[in-house]
Amino acid sequence: MPVRRLPPLRALEAFVRIVRLGSARAAADELGLSPSALSRRVANLEDFIGKKLFTRAHQTMKLTDDGRVFYDAVAPHLEALALAVEGQSENHSLLRLHLGVLPLFGSQRLFPRLPELRKLHPRLHLDIDTGPHLENRVGDTLDCAIILTRTPDESFHSVQLDHNLVHAICSPELAAELGNVPDVEKLAKQTFLIHNELPDSFGAWKEALGISNLEPAAIDHYDSGQLILEAAAQGLGIAIMHDDHFRRAADKRITQLYNVSVESPYSYWFVCRPKALETRPVRLFHDWLSQARL
């Protein structure tokens, strides 16, 4: 069977990097090329397939409709080719990913699914960092992170992982004492437990209940979701938490206070620097996470 003629692989690499990084300049920097050299590679690819992949104006390159169709058709096969070559390689060194993640997300949502990732990519290993200020360390000590925020910095490549509701959570004994209808006088005598990553959730909860003027006896701040859940279970206060964490905890020592649904200002996001998507560990984890629906 005759071998089909293949497009120039360097031109394909240039094309894919421009699309994934969203910038011809960033792609040129990644490949160590001048803008004109990068443009020539793309032009060679366009000549090969007979279609315009980008429009060019004022030193910018914008993907055309044909370019998008071409990318969607080619990108999965390039990934499959990389996997095939990797599988036949004698270099069996590990692929190491430095991932930042909040502890409660890690224990409840990520770790139960990691065996799937290990089976799919046995060479991919994760170094887990649960330290503070994850977002600030992405691109430095971290390859990528799963963070809890309103909206990530625009300089990141980001993927929203969920939408959440805010619950007030406490022990069943305290819930029975407070009753089924919000009472500002009773609530004003309570301690509220607030996660450092969710400072505006308490305000959203109060507003939804029509008690924006509530001033509790104390607000205790935590940097650990797991410790907040435990503190609520021990009767130390009312925790303002996401519904997902409450549900996954399945702890009979805690219950939801009042039956009210409050949209959370915060979501979990996967973030990395755009250029990090060109590294194999980040790309493998990103693609798996985008499909896993943790």
C-alpha atoms as a PDB file:
ATOM      1  CA  MET A   1       0.000   0.000   0.000  1.00  0.00           C
ATOM      2  CA  PRO A   2       1.472   3.393  -0.946  1.00  0.00           C
ATOM      3  CA  VAL A   3       2.363   5.719   1.918  1.00  0.00           C
ATOM      4  CA  ARG A   4       0.187   8.803   2.026  1.00  0.00           C
ATOM      5  CA  ARG A   5       1.941  12.130   1.710  1.00  0.00           C
ATOM      6  CA  LEU A   6       2.144  13.838   5.097  1.00  0.00           C
ATOM      7  CA  PRO A   7       2.156  17.571   5.776  1.00  0.00           C
ATOM      8  CA  PRO A   8       5.370  19.088   7.169  1.00  0.00           C
ATOM      9  CA  LEU A   9       5.334  18.177  10.864  1.00  0.00           C
ATOM     10  CA  ARG A  10       7.100  21.381  11.899  1.00  0.00           C
ATOM     11  CA  ALA A  11       4.358  23.357  10.202  1.00  0.00           C
ATOM     12  CA  LEU A  12       1.722  21.300  12.018  1.00  0.00           C
ATOM     13  CA  GLU A  13       3.503  21.934  15.321  1.00  0.00           C
ATOM     14  CA  ALA A  14       3.566  25.683  14.650  1.00  0.00           C
ATOM     15  CA  PHE A  15      -0.141  25.675  13.770  1.00  0.00           C
ATOM     16  CA  VAL A  16      -1.186  23.731  16.881  1.00  0.00           C
ATOM     17  CA  ARG A  17       0.892  25.915  19.192  1.00  0.00           C
ATOM     18  CA  ILE A  18      -0.635  29.114  17.828  1.00  0.00           C
ATOM     19  CA  VAL A  19      -4.128  27.750  18.425  1.00  0.00           C
ATOM     20  CA  ARG A  20      -3.426  26.394  21.913  1.00  0.00           C
ATOM     21  CA  LEU A  21      -1.469  29.418  23.108  1.00  0.00           C
ATOM     22  CA  GLY A  22      -3.840  31.877  21.462  1.00  0.00           C
ATOM     23  CA  SER A  23      -0.974  34.011  20.207  1.00  0.00           C
ATOM     24  CA  ALA A  24       1.440  33.809  17.286  1.00  0.00           C
ATOM     25  CA  ARG A  25       4.013  35.732  19.302  1.00  0.00           C
ATOM     26  CA  ALA A  26       3.773  33.272  22.202  1.00  0.00           C
ATOM     27  CA  ALA A  27       4.062  30.340  19.786  1.00  0.00           C
ATOM     28  CA  ALA A  28       7.124  31.887  18.124  1.00  0.00           C
ATOM     29  CA  ASP A  29       8.755  32.386  21.542  1.00  0.00           C
ATOM     30  CA  GLU A  30       8.003  28.779  22.523  1.00  0.00           C
ATOM     31  CA  LEU A  31       9.511  27.430  19.298  1.00  0.00           C
ATOM     32  CA  GLY A  32      12.450  29.822  19.295  1.00  0.00           C
ATOM     33  CA  LEU A  33      11.403  31.260  15.930  1.00  0.00           C
ATOM     34  CA  SER A  34      11.104  34.757  14.538  1.00  0.00           C
ATOM     35  CA  PRO A  35       7.533  35.847  13.701  1.00  0.00           C
ATOM     36  CA  SER A  36       8.371  35.706   9.988  1.00  0.00           C
ATOM     37  CA  ALA A  37       9.740  32.157  10.277  1.00  0.00           C
ATOM     38  CA  LEU A  38       6.609  31.063  12.132  1.00  0.00           C
ATOM     39  CA  SER A  39       4.426  32.671   9.478  1.00  0.00           C
ATOM     40  CA  ARG A  40       6.316  30.824   6.727  1.00  0.00           C
ATOM     41  CA  ARG A  41       5.680  27.486   8.431  1.00  0.00           C
ATOM     42  CA  VAL A  42       1.961  28.205   8.615  1.00  0.00           C
ATOM     43  CA  ALA A  43       1.954  29.368   4.980  1.00  0.00           C
ATOM     44  CA  ASN A  44       3.594  26.059   3.968  1.00  0.00           C
ATOM     45  CA  LEU A  45       0.824  24.170   5.766  1.00  0.00           C
ATOM     46  CA  GLU A  46      -1.856  26.285   4.097  1.00  0.00           C
ATOM     47  CA  ASP A  47      -0.298  25.589   0.704  1.00  0.00           C
ATOM     48  CA  PHE A  48      -0.255  21.874   1.473  1.00  0.00           C
ATOM     49  CA  ILE A  49      -3.946  21.618   2.373  1.00  0.00           C
ATOM     50  CA  GLY A  50      -5.155  24.357   0.030  1.00  0.00           C
ATOM     51  CA  LYS A  51      -7.040  26.334   2.679  1.00  0.00           C
ATOM     52  CA  LYS A  52      -6.471  29.508   4.663  1.00  0.00           C
ATOM     53  CA  LEU A  53      -6.097  28.635   8.325  1.00  0.00           C
ATOM     54  CA  PHE A  54      -5.625  32.169   9.646  1.00  0.00           C
ATOM     55  CA  THR A  55      -6.516  35.693   8.677  1.00  0.00           C
ATOM     56  CA  ARG A  56      -3.617  38.101   9.070  1.00  0.00           C
ATOM     57  CA  ALA A  57      -3.987  41.759   9.995  1.00  0.00           C
ATOM     58  CA  HIS A  58      -1.783  44.172  11.943  1.00  0.00           C
ATOM     59  CA  GLN A  59       0.668  41.413  12.918  1.00  0.00           C
ATOM     60  CA  THR A  60      -2.118  39.272  14.412  1.00  0.00           C
ATOM     61  CA  MET A  61      -3.333  35.859  13.246  1.00  0.00           C
ATOM     62  CA  LYS A  62      -6.972  34.911  13.747  1.00  0.00           C
ATOM     63  CA  LEU A  63      -8.218  31.365  13.192  1.00  0.00           C
ATOM     64  CA  THR A  64     -10.605  31.014  10.243  1.00  0.00           C
ATOM     65  CA  ASP A  65     -13.601  28.667  10.172  1.00  0.00           C
ATOM     66  CA  ASP A  66     -11.559  26.286   7.996  1.00  0.00           C
ATOM     67  CA  GLY A  67      -8.729  26.601  10.503  1.00  0.00           C
ATOM     68  CA  ARG A  68     -10.990  25.608  13.394  1.00  0.00           C
ATOM     69  CA  VAL A  69     -12.336  22.595  11.496  1.00  0.00           C
ATOM     70  CA  PHE A  70      -8.788  21.574  10.586  1.00  0.00           C
ATOM     71  CA  TYR A  71      -7.593  21.905  14.189  1.00  0.00           C
ATOM     72  CA  ASP A  72     -10.502  19.883  15.574  1.00  0.00           C
ATOM     73  CA  ALA A  73      -9.800  17.143  13.024  1.00  0.00           C
ATOM     74  CA  VAL A  74      -6.022  17.028  13.417  1.00  0.00           C
ATOM     75  CA  ALA A  75      -5.295  17.739  17.110  1.00  0.00           C
ATOM     76  CA  PRO A  76      -6.641  14.410  18.488  1.00  0.00           C
ATOM     77  CA  HIS A  77      -4.586  12.453  15.958  1.00  0.00           C
ATOM     78  CA  LEU A  78      -1.428  14.369  16.850  1.00  0.00           C
ATOM     79  CA  GLU A  79      -2.034  13.462  20.492  1.00  0.00           C
ATOM     80  CA  ALA A  80      -2.584   9.832  19.516  1.00  0.00           C
ATOM     81  CA  LEU A  81       0.664   9.898  17.515  1.00  0.00           C
ATOM     82  CA  ALA A  82       2.544  11.298  20.509  1.00  0.00           C
ATOM     83  CA  LEU A  83       1.085   8.565  22.726  1.00  0.00           C
ATOM     84  CA  ALA A  84       2.026   5.857  20.207  1.00  0.00           C
ATOM     85  CA  VAL A  85       5.606   7.095  19.977  1.00  0.00           C
ATOM     86  CA  GLU A  86       5.772   7.392  23.758  1.00  0.00           C
ATOM     87  CA  GLY A  87       4.557   3.806  24.125  1.00  0.00           C
ATOM     88  CA  GLN A  88       7.332   2.504  21.889  1.00  0.00           C
ATOM     89  CA  SER A  89      10.065   4.626  23.358  1.00  0.00           C
ATOM     90  CA  GLU A  90      12.860   3.051  25.353  1.00  0.00           C
ATOM     91  CA  ASN A  91      12.931   6.125  27.538  1.00  0.00           C
ATOM     92  CA  HIS A  92      10.618   5.133  30.382  1.00  0.00           C
ATOM     93  CA  SER A  93      11.340   8.137  32.596  1.00  0.00           C
ATOM     94  CA  LEU A  94       8.431   9.379  34.676  1.00  0.00           C
ATOM     95  CA  LEU A  95       6.303  12.336  33.681  1.00  0.00           C
ATOM     96  CA  ARG A  96       6.219  14.579  36.734  1.00  0.00           C
ATOM     97  CA  LEU A  97       3.438  17.118  37.397  1.00  0.00           C
ATOM     98  CA  HIS A  98       3.583  19.676  40.212  1.00  0.00           C
ATOM     99  CA  LEU A  99      -0.071  20.259  41.091  1.00  0.00           C
ATOM    100  CA  GLY A 100      -1.510  22.659  43.632  1.00  0.00           C
ATOM    101  CA  VAL A 101      -4.884  21.733  45.123  1.00  0.00           C
ATOM    102  CA  LEU A 102      -6.964  22.583  48.178  1.00  0.00           C
ATOM    103  CA  PRO A 103      -7.018  19.675  50.674  1.00  0.00           C
ATOM    104  CA  LEU A 104     -10.788  19.121  50.754  1.00  0.00           C
ATOM    105  CA  PHE A 105     -11.078  19.063  46.959  1.00  0.00           C
ATOM    106  CA  GLY A 106      -8.132  16.684  46.872  1.00  0.00           C
ATOM    107  CA  SER A 107      -9.518  14.246  49.431  1.00  0.00           C
ATOM    108  CA  GLN A 108     -13.175  14.314  48.338  1.00  0.00           C
ATOM    109  CA  ARG A 109     -12.998  14.733  44.569  1.00  0.00           C
ATOM    110  CA  LEU A 110      -9.523  14.250  43.115  1.00  0.00           C
ATOM    111  CA  PHE A 111      -8.004  11.310  44.977  1.00  0.00           C
ATOM    112  CA  PRO A 112     -10.957   8.914  44.515  1.00  0.00           C
ATOM    113  CA  ARG A 113     -10.513   9.318  40.744  1.00  0.00           C
ATOM    114  CA  LEU A 114      -6.708   9.227  40.511  1.00  0.00           C
ATOM    115  CA  PRO A 115      -6.587   5.435  39.948  1.00  0.00           C
ATOM    116  CA  GLU A 116      -8.343   6.111  36.625  1.00  0.00           C
ATOM    117  CA  LEU A 117      -5.647   8.600  35.666  1.00  0.00           C
ATOM    118  CA  ARG A 118      -2.873   6.207  36.728  1.00  0.00           C
ATOM    119  CA  LYS A 119      -4.363   3.422  34.622  1.00  0.00           C
ATOM    120  CA  LEU A 120      -4.683   5.714  31.617  1.00  0.00           C
ATOM    121  CA  HIS A 121      -1.219   7.280  31.967  1.00  0.00           C
ATOM    122  CA  PRO A 122       0.942   5.051  34.190  1.00  0.00           C
ATOM    123  CA  ARG A 123       4.048   7.201  33.674  1.00  0.00           C
ATOM    124  CA  LEU A 124       2.330  10.368  34.911  1.00  0.00           C
ATOM    125  CA  HIS A 125       3.026  11.053  38.591  1.00  0.00           C
ATOM    126  CA  LEU A 126       1.761  13.955  40.690  1.00  0.00           C
ATOM    127  CA  ASP A 127       3.586  16.000  43.288  1.00  0.00           C
ATOM    128  CA  ILE A 128       0.748  17.452  45.379  1.00  0.00           C
ATOM    129  CA  ASP A 129       1.046  20.875  47.030  1.00  0.00           C
ATOM    130  CA  THR A 130      -1.730  22.033  49.401  1.00  0.00           C
ATOM    131  CA  GLY A 131       0.085  25.149  50.576  1.00  0.00           C
ATOM    132  CA  PRO A 132      -1.275  28.703  50.574  1.00  0.00           C
ATOM    133  CA  HIS A 133      -1.489  31.155  47.673  1.00  0.00           C
ATOM    134  CA  LEU A 134      -1.709  28.476  44.987  1.00  0.00           C
ATOM    135  CA  GLU A 135      -2.726  30.894  42.246  1.00  0.00           C
ATOM    136  CA  ASN A 136       0.311  33.096  42.835  1.00  0.00           C
ATOM    137  CA  ARG A 137       2.683  30.144  42.482  1.00  0.00           C
ATOM    138  CA  VAL A 138       1.369  28.750  39.181  1.00  0.00           C
ATOM    139  CA  GLY A 139       4.142  28.999  36.615  1.00  0.00           C
ATOM    140  CA  ASP A 140       6.766  29.192  39.360  1.00  0.00           C
ATOM    141  CA  THR A 141       6.809  26.305  41.842  1.00  0.00           C
ATOM    142  CA  LEU A 142       3.592  24.811  40.415  1.00  0.00           C
ATOM    143  CA  ASP A 143       2.889  23.581  36.893  1.00  0.00           C
ATOM    144  CA  CYS A 144      -0.849  24.043  37.431  1.00  0.00           C
ATOM    145  CA  ALA A 145      -3.425  24.230  40.209  1.00  0.00           C
ATOM    146  CA  ILE A 146      -7.046  23.643  41.107  1.00  0.00           C
ATOM    147  CA  ILE A 147      -8.178  26.795  42.878  1.00  0.00           C
ATOM    148  CA  LEU A 148     -11.356  28.198  44.395  1.00  0.00           C
ATOM    149  CA  THR A 149     -12.087  31.683  43.094  1.00  0.00           C
ATOM    150  CA  ARG A 150     -14.640  33.980  41.499  1.00  0.00           C
ATOM    151  CA  THR A 151     -12.781  34.362  38.200  1.00  0.00           C
ATOM    152  CA  PRO A 152      -9.153  33.402  37.544  1.00  0.00           C
ATOM    153  CA  ASP A 153      -6.603  35.915  36.343  1.00  0.00           C
ATOM    154  CA  GLU A 154      -7.014  36.492  32.600  1.00  0.00           C
ATOM    155  CA  SER A 155      -3.359  35.618  31.998  1.00  0.00           C
ATOM    156  CA  PHE A 156      -4.122  31.970  32.859  1.00  0.00           C
ATOM    157  CA  HIS A 157      -5.565  29.243  30.717  1.00  0.00           C
ATOM    158  CA  SER A 158      -8.518  28.219  32.881  1.00  0.00           C
ATOM    159  CA  VAL A 159     -11.255  25.582  32.943  1.00  0.00           C
ATOM    160  CA  GLN A 160     -14.259  25.939  35.236  1.00  0.00           C
ATOM    161  CA  LEU A 161     -14.888  22.653  37.040  1.00  0.00           C
ATOM    162  CA  ASP A 162     -18.212  23.259  38.789  1.00  0.00           C
ATOM    163  CA  HIS A 163     -20.966  25.559  40.026  1.00  0.00           C
ATOM    164  CA  ASN A 164     -21.862  25.585  43.704  1.00  0.00           C
ATOM    165  CA  LEU A 165     -24.506  26.457  46.228  1.00  0.00           C
ATOM    166  CA  VAL A 166     -23.732  27.875  49.658  1.00  0.00           C
ATOM    167  CA  HIS A 167     -25.045  26.006  52.702  1.00  0.00           C
ATOM    168  CA  ALA A 168     -24.996  26.914  56.372  1.00  0.00           C
ATOM    169  CA  ILE A 169     -23.968  23.729  58.188  1.00  0.00           C
ATOM    170  CA  CYS A 170     -24.066  22.908  61.889  1.00  0.00           C
ATOM    171  CA  SER A 171     -24.724  20.105  64.348  1.00  0.00           C
ATOM    172  CA  PRO A 172     -28.292  18.712  64.478  1.00  0.00           C
ATOM    173  CA  GLU A 173     -28.554  19.891  68.089  1.00  0.00           C
ATOM    174  CA  LEU A 174     -27.763  23.492  67.140  1.00  0.00           C
ATOM    175  CA  ALA A 175     -30.105  23.317  64.138  1.00  0.00           C
ATOM    176  CA  ALA A 176     -32.947  22.182  66.401  1.00  0.00           C
ATOM    177  CA  GLU A 177     -32.201  25.029  68.820  1.00  0.00           C
ATOM    178  CA  LEU A 178     -32.250  27.629  66.009  1.00  0.00           C
ATOM    179  CA  GLY A 179     -35.436  26.308  64.386  1.00  0.00           C
ATOM    180  CA  ASN A 180     -36.584  26.246  60.774  1.00  0.00           C
ATOM    181  CA  VAL A 181     -37.072  29.999  60.310  1.00  0.00           C
ATOM    182  CA  PRO A 182     -34.127  32.435  60.407  1.00  0.00           C
ATOM    183  CA  ASP A 183     -34.161  34.414  63.633  1.00  0.00           C
ATOM    184  CA  VAL A 184     -31.680  37.307  63.667  1.00  0.00           C
ATOM    185  CA  GLU A 185     -31.595  37.503  67.469  1.00  0.00           C
ATOM    186  CA  LYS A 186     -30.691  33.817  67.816  1.00  0.00           C
ATOM    187  CA  LEU A 187     -28.188  33.923  64.948  1.00  0.00           C
ATOM    188  CA  ALA A 188     -26.531  37.030  66.413  1.00  0.00           C
ATOM    189  CA  LYS A 189     -25.467  34.922  69.403  1.00  0.00           C
ATOM    190  CA  GLN A 190     -23.697  32.336  67.223  1.00  0.00           C
ATOM    191  CA  THR A 191     -20.180  31.866  65.945  1.00  0.00           C
ATOM    192  CA  PHE A 192     -19.829  31.502  62.179  1.00  0.00           C
ATOM    193  CA  LEU A 193     -17.003  29.515  60.602  1.00  0.00           C
ATOM    194  CA  ILE A 194     -15.697  30.964  57.323  1.00  0.00           C
ATOM    195  CA  HIS A 195     -13.113  29.491  54.933  1.00  0.00           C
ATOM    196  CA  ASN A 196     -10.335  31.866  53.907  1.00  0.00           C
ATOM    197  CA  GLU A 197     -11.029  31.035  50.250  1.00  0.00           C
ATOM    198  CA  LEU A 198     -14.751  31.912  50.576  1.00  0.00           C
ATOM    199  CA  PRO A 199     -14.865  35.350  52.206  1.00  0.00           C
ATOM    200  CA  ASP A 200     -17.941  36.582  50.308  1.00  0.00           C
ATOM    201  CA  SER A 201     -20.068  33.460  50.789  1.00  0.00           C
ATOM    202  CA  PHE A 202     -21.360  34.571  54.179  1.00  0.00           C
ATOM    203  CA  GLY A 203     -22.606  37.849  52.696  1.00  0.00           C
ATOM    204  CA  ALA A 204     -24.320  35.998  49.839  1.00  0.00           C
ATOM    205  CA  TRP A 205     -26.021  33.655  52.324  1.00  0.00           C
ATOM    206  CA  LYS A 206     -27.240  36.520  54.543  1.00  0.00           C
ATOM    207  CA  GLU A 207     -28.567  38.441  51.567  1.00  0.00           C
ATOM    208  CA  ALA A 208     -30.464  35.408  50.242  1.00  0.00           C
ATOM    209  CA  LEU A 209     -32.139  34.971  53.647  1.00  0.00           C
ATOM    210  CA  GLY A 210     -32.971  38.669  53.896  1.00  0.00           C
ATOM    211  CA  ILE A 211     -30.805  39.187  56.981  1.00  0.00           C
ATOM    212  CA  SER A 212     -27.969  41.282  55.552  1.00  0.00           C
ATOM    213  CA  ASN A 213     -27.781  43.251  58.796  1.00  0.00           C
ATOM    214  CA  LEU A 214     -26.838  40.153  60.838  1.00  0.00           C
ATOM    215  CA  GLU A 215     -23.753  40.695  63.006  1.00  0.00           C
ATOM    216  CA  PRO A 216     -22.812  37.389  64.700  1.00  0.00           C
ATOM    217  CA  ALA A 217     -21.079  37.122  68.041  1.00  0.00           C
ATOM    218  CA  ALA A 218     -17.898  35.993  66.281  1.00  0.00           C
ATOM    219  CA  ILE A 219     -16.516  34.907  62.930  1.00  0.00           C
ATOM    220  CA  ASP A 220     -13.743  32.308  63.040  1.00  0.00           C
ATOM    221  CA  HIS A 221     -11.608  31.861  59.940  1.00  0.00           C
ATOM    222  CA  TYR A 222     -10.153  28.569  58.715  1.00  0.00           C
ATOM    223  CA  ASP A 223      -7.790  27.613  55.917  1.00  0.00           C
ATOM    224  CA  SER A 224      -9.002  23.997  55.855  1.00  0.00           C
ATOM    225  CA  GLY A 225     -12.419  22.860  54.681  1.00  0.00           C
ATOM    226  CA  GLN A 226     -12.024  19.560  56.485  1.00  0.00           C
ATOM    227  CA  LEU A 227     -11.392  21.321  59.783  1.00  0.00           C
ATOM    228  CA  ILE A 228     -14.426  23.560  59.286  1.00  0.00           C
ATOM    229  CA  LEU A 229     -16.640  20.508  58.788  1.00  0.00           C
ATOM    230  CA  GLU A 230     -15.193  18.928  61.924  1.00  0.00           C
ATOM    231  CA  ALA A 231     -15.636  22.138  63.916  1.00  0.00           C
ATOM    232  CA  ALA A 232     -19.293  22.312  62.857  1.00  0.00           C
ATOM    233  CA  ALA A 233     -19.770  18.648  63.813  1.00  0.00           C
ATOM    234  CA  GLN A 234     -18.316  19.374  67.251  1.00  0.00           C
ATOM    235  CA  GLY A 235     -20.813  22.198  67.785  1.00  0.00           C
ATOM    236  CA  LEU A 236     -18.251  25.013  67.550  1.00  0.00           C
ATOM    237  CA  GLY A 237     -20.341  27.128  65.209  1.00  0.00           C
ATOM    238  CA  ILE A 238     -22.174  27.449  61.913  1.00  0.00           C
ATOM    239  CA  ALA A 239     -20.008  26.677  58.893  1.00  0.00           C
ATOM    240  CA  ILE A 240     -20.604  28.461  55.583  1.00  0.00           C
ATOM    241  CA  MET A 241     -19.638  25.816  53.042  1.00  0.00           C
ATOM    242  CA  HIS A 242     -20.371  24.582  49.538  1.00  0.00           C
ATOM    243  CA  ASP A 243     -23.164  22.063  49.128  1.00  0.00           C
ATOM    244  CA  ASP A 244     -20.871  19.658  47.289  1.00  0.00           C
ATOM    245  CA  HIS A 245     -18.492  19.355  50.244  1.00  0.00           C
ATOM    246  CA  PHE A 246     -21.407  18.887  52.652  1.00  0.00           C
ATOM    247  CA  ARG A 247     -22.928  16.151  50.493  1.00  0.00           C
ATOM    248  CA  ARG A 248     -19.668  14.281  49.898  1.00  0.00           C
ATOM    249  CA  ALA A 249     -18.784  14.359  53.591  1.00  0.00           C
ATOM    250  CA  ALA A 250     -21.886  12.233  54.348  1.00  0.00           C
ATOM    251  CA  ASP A 251     -21.361  13.014  58.025  1.00  0.00           C
ATOM    252  CA  LYS A 252     -24.474  12.422  60.169  1.00  0.00           C
ATOM    253  CA  ARG A 253     -23.044  14.750  62.804  1.00  0.00           C
ATOM    254  CA  ILE A 254     -23.796  17.778  60.582  1.00  0.00           C
ATOM    255  CA  THR A 255     -26.941  19.050  58.883  1.00  0.00           C
ATOM    256  CA  GLN A 256     -28.016  21.954  56.697  1.00  0.00           C
ATOM    257  CA  LEU A 257     -29.430  24.953  58.535  1.00  0.00           C
ATOM    258  CA  TYR A 258     -32.657  26.125  56.854  1.00  0.00           C
ATOM    259  CA  ASN A 259     -33.809  24.871  53.476  1.00  0.00           C
ATOM    260  CA  VAL A 260     -32.526  27.597  51.185  1.00  0.00           C
ATOM    261  CA  SER A 261     -30.502  27.524  47.953  1.00  0.00           C
ATOM    262  CA  VAL A 262     -27.872  30.253  47.610  1.00  0.00           C
ATOM    263  CA  GLU A 263     -25.696  30.615  44.529  1.00  0.00           C
ATOM    264  CA  SER A 264     -22.043  30.679  45.491  1.00  0.00           C
ATOM    265  CA  PRO A 265     -19.833  33.485  44.183  1.00  0.00           C
ATOM    266  CA  TYR A 266     -17.046  30.903  43.855  1.00  0.00           C
ATOM    267  CA  SER A 267     -16.196  27.923  41.676  1.00  0.00           C
ATOM    268  CA  TYR A 268     -13.318  25.496  41.393  1.00  0.00           C
ATOM    269  CA  TRP A 269     -11.084  26.179  38.392  1.00  0.00           C
ATOM    270  CA  PHE A 270      -8.136  24.437  36.800  1.00  0.00           C
ATOM    271  CA  VAL A 271      -5.482  27.020  35.931  1.00  0.00           C
ATOM    272  CA  CYS A 272      -2.080  26.978  34.264  1.00  0.00           C
ATOM    273  CA  ARG A 273       0.052  29.279  32.171  1.00  0.00           C
ATOM    274  CA  PRO A 274      -0.893  28.958  28.477  1.00  0.00           C
ATOM    275  CA  LYS A 275       2.577  27.793  27.502  1.00  0.00           C
ATOM    276  CA  ALA A 276       2.379  25.011  30.112  1.00  0.00           C
ATOM    277  CA  LEU A 277      -0.204  23.245  27.932  1.00  0.00           C
ATOM    278  CA  GLU A 278       2.642  22.393  25.581  1.00  0.00           C
ATOM    279  CA  THR A 279       4.327  20.298  28.268  1.00  0.00           C
ATOM    280  CA  ARG A 280       3.215  16.702  28.251  1.00  0.00           C
ATOM    281  CA  PRO A 281       2.362  16.263  31.976  1.00  0.00           C
ATOM    282  CA  VAL A 282       0.140  19.361  32.032  1.00  0.00           C
ATOM    283  CA  ARG A 283      -1.560  18.482  28.744  1.00  0.00           C
ATOM    284  CA  LEU A 284      -2.329  14.905  29.874  1.00  0.00           C
ATOM    285  CA  PHE A 285      -3.730  16.046  33.214  1.00  0.00           C
ATOM    286  CA  HIS A 286      -5.685  18.920  31.639  1.00  0.00           C
ATOM    287  CA  ASP A 287      -7.316  16.673  29.044  1.00  0.00           C
ATOM    288  CA  TRP A 288      -8.188  14.000  31.609  1.00  0.00           C
ATOM    289  CA  LEU A 289      -9.578  16.534  34.086  1.00  0.00           C
ATOM    290  CA  SER A 290     -11.687  18.205  31.387  1.00  0.00           C
ATOM    291  CA  GLN A 291     -13.412  14.886  30.700  1.00  0.00           C
ATOM    292  CA  ALA A 292     -13.441  13.303  34.169  1.00  0.00           C
ATOM    293  CA  ARG A 293     -16.114  15.589  35.671  1.00  0.00           C
ATOM    294  CA  LEU A 294     -14.879  15.181  39.214  1.00  0.00           C
END
